[in-house]
């Protein structure tokens, strides 16, 4: 009798075991290099570290934070599993130019599927380094949105800028459309919202730039925020941002073209 019960339990465990096993996240670093860093040789570096949850609850708002412990002139963040209007692997979220070491940066990104997120850094000698972290999340790029054009245009570009002596945070209202989102407010039938996101942002302190970034697509989340280390901040920070439609924003007031 004991043998029969043991056999039944063993069969049940074997049957349900695969449900607890997660497939390994595919690594597409070679495809990312071919798309964005073609011809470059990348060396893995433990000087780039991450502070992230391995599973995000909401694919449209995935917390992402890293620290670069060496000096780099350019640092790029690429989400390998995200679609992009350009052919090839991954979506380049942004490339920034840090001004301090160590440099800690945090934002929220979109993730369409379980994916590695790569941080790829270039030093002053033109050498490239990287590290990467696997994060589980889904549905963040193609999630439908309730879109009210009038409300968006009324708020777009509104900013909040906060800082301590050596760290700053910038919050900016922007829909960050990536070209894959359906408008759920269109009651005559769904349509895909055109790509429309930030393309550039610069933060200055007493007319000296302390942080800037170029954006490669809509992989940063809607109404994004950016928190970053900076050398000692002396005064009120000024921010200028430009989006992919050519709109310019300066702190809370949009600049006319």
C-alpha atoms as a PDB file:
ATOM      1  CA  UNK A   1       0.000   0.000   0.000  1.00  0.00           C
ATOM      2  CA  UNK A   2       2.830   2.377   0.934  1.00  0.00           C
ATOM      3  CA  UNK A   3       4.536   1.637  -2.395  1.00  0.00           C
ATOM      4  CA  UNK A   4       1.339   2.465  -4.300  1.00  0.00           C
ATOM      5  CA  UNK A   5       0.894   5.803  -2.471  1.00  0.00           C
ATOM      6  CA  UNK A   6       4.567   6.674  -3.050  1.00  0.00           C
ATOM      7  CA  UNK A   7       4.244   5.908  -6.768  1.00  0.00           C
ATOM      8  CA  UNK A   8       1.161   8.131  -7.072  1.00  0.00           C
ATOM      9  CA  UNK A   9       2.874  11.030  -5.297  1.00  0.00           C
ATOM     10  CA  UNK A  10       5.969  10.629  -7.465  1.00  0.00           C
ATOM     11  CA  UNK A  11       3.814  10.705 -10.604  1.00  0.00           C
ATOM     12  CA  UNK A  12       2.063  13.890  -9.448  1.00  0.00           C
ATOM     13  CA  UNK A  13       5.361  15.622  -8.684  1.00  0.00           C
ATOM     14  CA  UNK A  14       6.746  14.630 -12.089  1.00  0.00           C
ATOM     15  CA  UNK A  15       3.623  15.865 -13.842  1.00  0.00           C
ATOM     16  CA  UNK A  16       3.620  19.305 -12.240  1.00  0.00           C
ATOM     17  CA  UNK A  17       7.397  19.871 -12.030  1.00  0.00           C
ATOM     18  CA  UNK A  18       7.656  21.507 -15.494  1.00  0.00           C
ATOM     19  CA  UNK A  19       5.178  24.179 -14.349  1.00  0.00           C
ATOM     20  CA  UNK A  20       7.744  25.500 -11.896  1.00  0.00           C
ATOM     21  CA  UNK A  21      10.593  25.563 -14.393  1.00  0.00           C
ATOM     22  CA  UNK A  22      11.177  28.783 -16.303  1.00  0.00           C
ATOM     23  CA  UNK A  23      12.845  28.759 -19.696  1.00  0.00           C
ATOM     24  CA  UNK A  24      16.170  30.560 -19.726  1.00  0.00           C
ATOM     25  CA  UNK A  25      15.979  34.111 -21.061  1.00  0.00           C
ATOM     26  CA  UNK A  26      17.639  34.180 -24.509  1.00  0.00           C
ATOM     27  CA  UNK A  27      20.752  36.339 -24.799  1.00  0.00           C
ATOM     28  CA  UNK A  28      20.846  38.459 -27.978  1.00  0.00           C
ATOM     29  CA  UNK A  29      23.905  40.580 -27.230  1.00  0.00           C
ATOM     30  CA  UNK A  30      25.507  39.705 -30.590  1.00  0.00           C
ATOM     31  CA  UNK A  31      22.441  41.051 -32.394  1.00  0.00           C
ATOM     32  CA  UNK A  32      22.518  44.247 -30.331  1.00  0.00           C
ATOM     33  CA  UNK A  33      26.197  44.770 -31.192  1.00  0.00           C
ATOM     34  CA  UNK A  34      25.511  44.159 -34.879  1.00  0.00           C
ATOM     35  CA  UNK A  35      22.689  46.726 -34.846  1.00  0.00           C
ATOM     36  CA  UNK A  36      24.116  49.528 -32.694  1.00  0.00           C
ATOM     37  CA  UNK A  37      27.854  48.873 -32.261  1.00  0.00           C
ATOM     38  CA  UNK A  38      28.813  47.152 -35.501  1.00  0.00           C
ATOM     39  CA  UNK A  39      32.523  46.397 -35.779  1.00  0.00           C
ATOM     40  CA  UNK A  40      33.164  47.138 -32.090  1.00  0.00           C
ATOM     41  CA  UNK A  41      34.706  44.683 -29.644  1.00  0.00           C
ATOM     42  CA  UNK A  42      32.973  44.635 -26.247  1.00  0.00           C
ATOM     43  CA  UNK A  43      34.540  43.434 -22.991  1.00  0.00           C
ATOM     44  CA  UNK A  44      32.356  42.361 -20.083  1.00  0.00           C
ATOM     45  CA  UNK A  45      32.945  44.484 -16.995  1.00  0.00           C
ATOM     46  CA  UNK A  46      31.879  43.923 -13.396  1.00  0.00           C
ATOM     47  CA  UNK A  47      32.463  47.647 -12.833  1.00  0.00           C
ATOM     48  CA  UNK A  48      28.908  48.088 -14.140  1.00  0.00           C
ATOM     49  CA  UNK A  49      26.456  46.846 -11.505  1.00  0.00           C
ATOM     50  CA  UNK A  50      22.661  46.644 -11.296  1.00  0.00           C
ATOM     51  CA  UNK A  51      20.026  47.244  -8.643  1.00  0.00           C
ATOM     52  CA  UNK A  52      16.862  45.768 -10.182  1.00  0.00           C
ATOM     53  CA  UNK A  53      14.080  43.337  -9.383  1.00  0.00           C
ATOM     54  CA  UNK A  54      14.443  40.153 -11.432  1.00  0.00           C
ATOM     55  CA  UNK A  55      10.685  40.220 -12.128  1.00  0.00           C
ATOM     56  CA  UNK A  56       8.678  43.389 -12.810  1.00  0.00           C
ATOM     57  CA  UNK A  57       4.941  43.490 -12.129  1.00  0.00           C
ATOM     58  CA  UNK A  58       4.100  45.965 -14.919  1.00  0.00           C
ATOM     59  CA  UNK A  59       5.815  45.768 -18.300  1.00  0.00           C
ATOM     60  CA  UNK A  60       5.000  49.418 -19.032  1.00  0.00           C
ATOM     61  CA  UNK A  61       6.858  50.662 -15.932  1.00  0.00           C
ATOM     62  CA  UNK A  62       9.902  48.507 -15.142  1.00  0.00           C
ATOM     63  CA  UNK A  63      12.297  50.042 -12.592  1.00  0.00           C
ATOM     64  CA  UNK A  64      15.869  50.025 -13.892  1.00  0.00           C
ATOM     65  CA  UNK A  65      18.935  51.212 -11.992  1.00  0.00           C
ATOM     66  CA  UNK A  66      22.661  50.750 -12.556  1.00  0.00           C
ATOM     67  CA  UNK A  67      25.996  52.128 -11.340  1.00  0.00           C
ATOM     68  CA  UNK A  68      29.137  52.590 -13.436  1.00  0.00           C
ATOM     69  CA  UNK A  69      32.172  52.592 -11.168  1.00  0.00           C
ATOM     70  CA  UNK A  70      34.662  53.723 -13.831  1.00  0.00           C
ATOM     71  CA  UNK A  71      34.772  56.830 -15.996  1.00  0.00           C
ATOM     72  CA  UNK A  72      32.975  56.544 -19.336  1.00  0.00           C
ATOM     73  CA  UNK A  73      32.151  59.180 -21.919  1.00  0.00           C
ATOM     74  CA  UNK A  74      29.052  57.397 -23.242  1.00  0.00           C
ATOM     75  CA  UNK A  75      26.720  54.884 -21.605  1.00  0.00           C
ATOM     76  CA  UNK A  76      23.871  53.232 -23.534  1.00  0.00           C
ATOM     77  CA  UNK A  77      20.931  51.167 -22.281  1.00  0.00           C
ATOM     78  CA  UNK A  78      19.476  48.593 -24.699  1.00  0.00           C
ATOM     79  CA  UNK A  79      16.448  46.342 -24.094  1.00  0.00           C
ATOM     80  CA  UNK A  80      17.189  43.242 -26.158  1.00  0.00           C
ATOM     81  CA  UNK A  81      13.632  41.888 -26.335  1.00  0.00           C
ATOM     82  CA  UNK A  82      11.870  45.095 -27.370  1.00  0.00           C
ATOM     83  CA  UNK A  83      10.698  45.735 -30.930  1.00  0.00           C
ATOM     84  CA  UNK A  84      11.882  48.824 -32.773  1.00  0.00           C
ATOM     85  CA  UNK A  85      11.015  50.598 -35.999  1.00  0.00           C
ATOM     86  CA  UNK A  86      14.569  49.964 -37.232  1.00  0.00           C
ATOM     87  CA  UNK A  87      15.313  46.345 -38.244  1.00  0.00           C
ATOM     88  CA  UNK A  88      17.487  44.215 -36.022  1.00  0.00           C
ATOM     89  CA  UNK A  89      17.685  43.075 -32.423  1.00  0.00           C
ATOM     90  CA  UNK A  90      16.629  45.219 -29.487  1.00  0.00           C
ATOM     91  CA  UNK A  91      15.624  48.802 -28.803  1.00  0.00           C
ATOM     92  CA  UNK A  92      18.113  51.458 -27.715  1.00  0.00           C
ATOM     93  CA  UNK A  93      16.452  53.261 -24.809  1.00  0.00           C
ATOM     94  CA  UNK A  94      18.975  56.072 -24.407  1.00  0.00           C
ATOM     95  CA  UNK A  95      22.646  57.028 -24.502  1.00  0.00           C
ATOM     96  CA  UNK A  96      23.974  59.442 -21.888  1.00  0.00           C
ATOM     97  CA  UNK A  97      27.199  61.268 -21.109  1.00  0.00           C
ATOM     98  CA  UNK A  98      28.011  60.961 -17.382  1.00  0.00           C
ATOM     99  CA  UNK A  99      30.033  63.683 -15.686  1.00  0.00           C
ATOM    100  CA  UNK A 100      30.975  61.943 -12.431  1.00  0.00           C
ATOM    101  CA  UNK A 101      32.433  58.670 -11.126  1.00  0.00           C
ATOM    102  CA  UNK A 102      30.900  56.525  -9.768  1.00  0.00           C
ATOM    103  CA  UNK A 103      27.761  57.261 -11.771  1.00  0.00           C
ATOM    104  CA  UNK A 104      24.367  55.941 -10.641  1.00  0.00           C
ATOM    105  CA  UNK A 105      21.333  56.254 -12.913  1.00  0.00           C
ATOM    106  CA  UNK A 106      17.736  55.126 -12.605  1.00  0.00           C
ATOM    107  CA  UNK A 107      14.594  55.335 -14.732  1.00  0.00           C
ATOM    108  CA  UNK A 108      11.613  53.188 -15.781  1.00  0.00           C
ATOM    109  CA  UNK A 109      11.698  51.241 -19.039  1.00  0.00           C
ATOM    110  CA  UNK A 110       9.146  49.324 -21.114  1.00  0.00           C
ATOM    111  CA  UNK A 111       9.600  45.604 -21.683  1.00  0.00           C
ATOM    112  CA  UNK A 112       7.641  43.593 -24.240  1.00  0.00           C
ATOM    113  CA  UNK A 113       8.943  40.211 -23.037  1.00  0.00           C
ATOM    114  CA  UNK A 114      11.446  38.553 -20.720  1.00  0.00           C
ATOM    115  CA  UNK A 115      14.746  40.027 -21.792  1.00  0.00           C
ATOM    116  CA  UNK A 116      18.304  40.935 -21.019  1.00  0.00           C
ATOM    117  CA  UNK A 117      18.890  44.635 -20.561  1.00  0.00           C
ATOM    118  CA  UNK A 118      22.391  45.695 -21.634  1.00  0.00           C
ATOM    119  CA  UNK A 119      24.422  48.627 -20.379  1.00  0.00           C
ATOM    120  CA  UNK A 120      27.157  49.349 -22.924  1.00  0.00           C
ATOM    121  CA  UNK A 121      29.823  51.940 -22.096  1.00  0.00           C
ATOM    122  CA  UNK A 122      32.572  53.641 -24.121  1.00  0.00           C
ATOM    123  CA  UNK A 123      35.649  55.049 -22.387  1.00  0.00           C
ATOM    124  CA  UNK A 124      37.798  58.017 -23.441  1.00  0.00           C
ATOM    125  CA  UNK A 125      40.082  55.703 -25.457  1.00  0.00           C
ATOM    126  CA  UNK A 126      37.198  54.401 -27.577  1.00  0.00           C
ATOM    127  CA  UNK A 127      37.098  50.992 -25.880  1.00  0.00           C
ATOM    128  CA  UNK A 128      33.695  49.423 -25.206  1.00  0.00           C
ATOM    129  CA  UNK A 129      32.567  47.558 -22.097  1.00  0.00           C
ATOM    130  CA  UNK A 130      29.248  46.007 -21.080  1.00  0.00           C
ATOM    131  CA  UNK A 131      27.277  44.209 -18.461  1.00  0.00           C
ATOM    132  CA  UNK A 132      23.735  42.875 -18.622  1.00  0.00           C
ATOM    133  CA  UNK A 133      20.914  41.687 -16.411  1.00  0.00           C
ATOM    134  CA  UNK A 134      17.918  39.453 -17.154  1.00  0.00           C
ATOM    135  CA  UNK A 135      14.512  40.832 -16.128  1.00  0.00           C
ATOM    136  CA  UNK A 136      11.171  39.052 -16.465  1.00  0.00           C
ATOM    137  CA  UNK A 137       8.237  41.165 -17.645  1.00  0.00           C
ATOM    138  CA  UNK A 138       5.856  41.307 -20.578  1.00  0.00           C
ATOM    139  CA  UNK A 139       3.409  43.358 -22.609  1.00  0.00           C
ATOM    140  CA  UNK A 140       4.936  46.769 -22.004  1.00  0.00           C
ATOM    141  CA  UNK A 141       5.531  47.822 -25.608  1.00  0.00           C
ATOM    142  CA  UNK A 142       2.220  46.801 -27.179  1.00  0.00           C
ATOM    143  CA  UNK A 143      -0.039  47.649 -24.224  1.00  0.00           C
ATOM    144  CA  UNK A 144      -3.021  49.712 -25.342  1.00  0.00           C
ATOM    145  CA  UNK A 145      -3.439  53.234 -24.003  1.00  0.00           C
ATOM    146  CA  UNK A 146      -6.381  55.522 -23.330  1.00  0.00           C
ATOM    147  CA  UNK A 147      -5.365  58.466 -25.441  1.00  0.00           C
ATOM    148  CA  UNK A 148      -6.886  61.940 -25.247  1.00  0.00           C
ATOM    149  CA  UNK A 149      -4.932  64.196 -27.668  1.00  0.00           C
ATOM    150  CA  UNK A 150      -6.214  67.423 -26.109  1.00  0.00           C
ATOM    151  CA  UNK A 151      -5.218  66.357 -22.606  1.00  0.00           C
ATOM    152  CA  UNK A 152      -1.804  65.173 -23.784  1.00  0.00           C
ATOM    153  CA  UNK A 153      -1.039  68.413 -25.636  1.00  0.00           C
ATOM    154  CA  UNK A 154      -2.161  70.444 -22.631  1.00  0.00           C
ATOM    155  CA  UNK A 155       0.290  68.724 -20.267  1.00  0.00           C
ATOM    156  CA  UNK A 156       3.147  67.698 -22.536  1.00  0.00           C
ATOM    157  CA  UNK A 157       6.535  69.031 -21.497  1.00  0.00           C
ATOM    158  CA  UNK A 158       5.519  69.910 -17.937  1.00  0.00           C
ATOM    159  CA  UNK A 159       8.522  69.196 -15.724  1.00  0.00           C
ATOM    160  CA  UNK A 160       9.563  68.846 -12.125  1.00  0.00           C
ATOM    161  CA  UNK A 161      13.265  69.122 -11.261  1.00  0.00           C
ATOM    162  CA  UNK A 162      14.609  68.135  -7.838  1.00  0.00           C
ATOM    163  CA  UNK A 163      18.167  67.885  -6.550  1.00  0.00           C
ATOM    164  CA  UNK A 164      20.487  67.455  -3.603  1.00  0.00           C
ATOM    165  CA  UNK A 165      24.131  68.552  -3.624  1.00  0.00           C
ATOM    166  CA  UNK A 166      25.178  65.697  -5.903  1.00  0.00           C
ATOM    167  CA  UNK A 167      22.066  63.981  -7.290  1.00  0.00           C
ATOM    168  CA  UNK A 168      19.267  65.255  -9.518  1.00  0.00           C
ATOM    169  CA  UNK A 169      15.883  63.991 -10.682  1.00  0.00           C
ATOM    170  CA  UNK A 170      13.965  65.191 -13.740  1.00  0.00           C
ATOM    171  CA  UNK A 171      10.290  64.313 -14.292  1.00  0.00           C
ATOM    172  CA  UNK A 172       8.716  65.199 -17.647  1.00  0.00           C
ATOM    173  CA  UNK A 173       5.209  64.704 -19.031  1.00  0.00           C
ATOM    174  CA  UNK A 174       5.407  62.916 -22.364  1.00  0.00           C
ATOM    175  CA  UNK A 175       3.426  59.971 -23.844  1.00  0.00           C
ATOM    176  CA  UNK A 176       6.567  58.227 -25.158  1.00  0.00           C
ATOM    177  CA  UNK A 177       4.709  56.387 -27.934  1.00  0.00           C
ATOM    178  CA  UNK A 178       6.837  53.648 -29.441  1.00  0.00           C
ATOM    179  CA  UNK A 179       4.800  52.959 -32.591  1.00  0.00           C
ATOM    180  CA  UNK A 180       3.229  49.700 -31.326  1.00  0.00           C
ATOM    181  CA  UNK A 181       0.473  50.919 -28.989  1.00  0.00           C
ATOM    182  CA  UNK A 182      -3.233  50.790 -29.834  1.00  0.00           C
ATOM    183  CA  UNK A 183      -5.494  53.729 -28.962  1.00  0.00           C
ATOM    184  CA  UNK A 184      -8.212  52.265 -26.723  1.00  0.00           C
ATOM    185  CA  UNK A 185     -10.161  55.546 -26.829  1.00  0.00           C
ATOM    186  CA  UNK A 186     -10.944  55.234 -30.534  1.00  0.00           C
ATOM    187  CA  UNK A 187     -14.473  53.832 -30.406  1.00  0.00           C
ATOM    188  CA  UNK A 188     -14.761  53.544 -34.194  1.00  0.00           C
ATOM    189  CA  UNK A 189     -11.947  51.005 -34.275  1.00  0.00           C
ATOM    190  CA  UNK A 190      -8.450  50.615 -32.864  1.00  0.00           C
ATOM    191  CA  UNK A 191      -5.537  52.306 -34.539  1.00  0.00           C
ATOM    192  CA  UNK A 192      -1.832  52.311 -33.742  1.00  0.00           C
ATOM    193  CA  UNK A 193      -0.418  55.536 -32.338  1.00  0.00           C
ATOM    194  CA  UNK A 194       2.532  56.848 -34.307  1.00  0.00           C
ATOM    195  CA  UNK A 195       6.016  56.806 -32.804  1.00  0.00           C
ATOM    196  CA  UNK A 196       6.475  59.945 -30.700  1.00  0.00           C
ATOM    197  CA  UNK A 197       8.991  60.154 -27.887  1.00  0.00           C
ATOM    198  CA  UNK A 198      11.824  62.210 -26.471  1.00  0.00           C
ATOM    199  CA  UNK A 199      14.903  62.415 -28.672  1.00  0.00           C
ATOM    200  CA  UNK A 200      17.206  64.582 -26.529  1.00  0.00           C
ATOM    201  CA  UNK A 201      17.451  66.086 -23.064  1.00  0.00           C
ATOM    202  CA  UNK A 202      20.088  68.262 -21.406  1.00  0.00           C
ATOM    203  CA  UNK A 203      20.427  69.469 -17.804  1.00  0.00           C
ATOM    204  CA  UNK A 204      22.645  72.447 -16.964  1.00  0.00           C
ATOM    205  CA  UNK A 205      23.778  73.992 -13.673  1.00  0.00           C
ATOM    206  CA  UNK A 206      24.897  77.641 -13.913  1.00  0.00           C
ATOM    207  CA  UNK A 207      25.126  77.233 -17.709  1.00  0.00           C
ATOM    208  CA  UNK A 208      27.357  74.119 -17.396  1.00  0.00           C
ATOM    209  CA  UNK A 209      25.949  70.833 -18.638  1.00  0.00           C
ATOM    210  CA  UNK A 210      25.845  68.177 -15.924  1.00  0.00           C
ATOM    211  CA  UNK A 211      23.907  65.460 -17.782  1.00  0.00           C
ATOM    212  CA  UNK A 212      22.488  64.838 -21.233  1.00  0.00           C
ATOM    213  CA  UNK A 213      21.030  61.938 -23.191  1.00  0.00           C
ATOM    214  CA  UNK A 214      19.903  60.966 -26.681  1.00  0.00           C
ATOM    215  CA  UNK A 215      16.964  58.568 -27.058  1.00  0.00           C
ATOM    216  CA  UNK A 216      16.834  55.745 -29.567  1.00  0.00           C
ATOM    217  CA  UNK A 217      13.143  54.891 -29.293  1.00  0.00           C
ATOM    218  CA  UNK A 218      10.165  54.549 -26.988  1.00  0.00           C
ATOM    219  CA  UNK A 219      11.678  52.055 -24.535  1.00  0.00           C
ATOM    220  CA  UNK A 220      11.632  54.580 -21.699  1.00  0.00           C
ATOM    221  CA  UNK A 221       8.242  54.662 -20.018  1.00  0.00           C
ATOM    222  CA  UNK A 222       5.401  57.152 -20.383  1.00  0.00           C
ATOM    223  CA  UNK A 223       5.939  60.363 -18.382  1.00  0.00           C
ATOM    224  CA  UNK A 224       9.565  59.411 -17.753  1.00  0.00           C
ATOM    225  CA  UNK A 225      11.816  60.314 -14.865  1.00  0.00           C
ATOM    226  CA  UNK A 226      15.604  60.272 -14.744  1.00  0.00           C
ATOM    227  CA  UNK A 227      17.656  60.284 -11.547  1.00  0.00           C
ATOM    228  CA  UNK A 228      21.424  60.630 -11.866  1.00  0.00           C
ATOM    229  CA  UNK A 229      24.600  61.484  -9.972  1.00  0.00           C
ATOM    230  CA  UNK A 230      26.288  64.797 -10.642  1.00  0.00           C
ATOM    231  CA  UNK A 231      29.245  66.824  -9.382  1.00  0.00           C
ATOM    232  CA  UNK A 232      28.343  69.306  -6.655  1.00  0.00           C
ATOM    233  CA  UNK A 233      25.256  71.207  -7.811  1.00  0.00           C
ATOM    234  CA  UNK A 234      25.564  74.952  -7.311  1.00  0.00           C
ATOM    235  CA  UNK A 235      22.278  76.493  -8.408  1.00  0.00           C
ATOM    236  CA  UNK A 236      18.869  75.986  -9.985  1.00  0.00           C
ATOM    237  CA  UNK A 237      18.954  73.415 -12.741  1.00  0.00           C
ATOM    238  CA  UNK A 238      17.777  74.223 -16.251  1.00  0.00           C
ATOM    239  CA  UNK A 239      16.406  71.526 -18.514  1.00  0.00           C
ATOM    240  CA  UNK A 240      15.811  71.502 -22.252  1.00  0.00           C
ATOM    241  CA  UNK A 241      14.130  68.553 -23.945  1.00  0.00           C
ATOM    242  CA  UNK A 242      13.337  67.860 -27.614  1.00  0.00           C
ATOM    243  CA  UNK A 243      11.018  65.153 -28.898  1.00  0.00           C
ATOM    244  CA  UNK A 244      10.828  63.244 -32.172  1.00  0.00           C
ATOM    245  CA  UNK A 245       8.255  65.726 -33.563  1.00  0.00           C
ATOM    246  CA  UNK A 246      10.703  68.584 -33.010  1.00  0.00           C
ATOM    247  CA  UNK A 247       8.824  70.044 -30.051  1.00  0.00           C
ATOM    248  CA  UNK A 248      11.095  71.775 -27.536  1.00  0.00           C
ATOM    249  CA  UNK A 249      10.498  72.073 -23.819  1.00  0.00           C
ATOM    250  CA  UNK A 250      12.346  74.167 -21.260  1.00  0.00           C
ATOM    251  CA  UNK A 251      11.529  73.281 -17.679  1.00  0.00           C
ATOM    252  CA  UNK A 252       7.738  73.833 -17.492  1.00  0.00           C
ATOM    253  CA  UNK A 253       7.377  76.109 -20.514  1.00  0.00           C
ATOM    254  CA  UNK A 254       7.411  74.781 -24.103  1.00  0.00           C
ATOM    255  CA  UNK A 255       9.655  76.643 -26.532  1.00  0.00           C
ATOM    256  CA  UNK A 256       8.156  77.511 -29.899  1.00  0.00           C
ATOM    257  CA  UNK A 257      10.023  76.377 -33.012  1.00  0.00           C
END
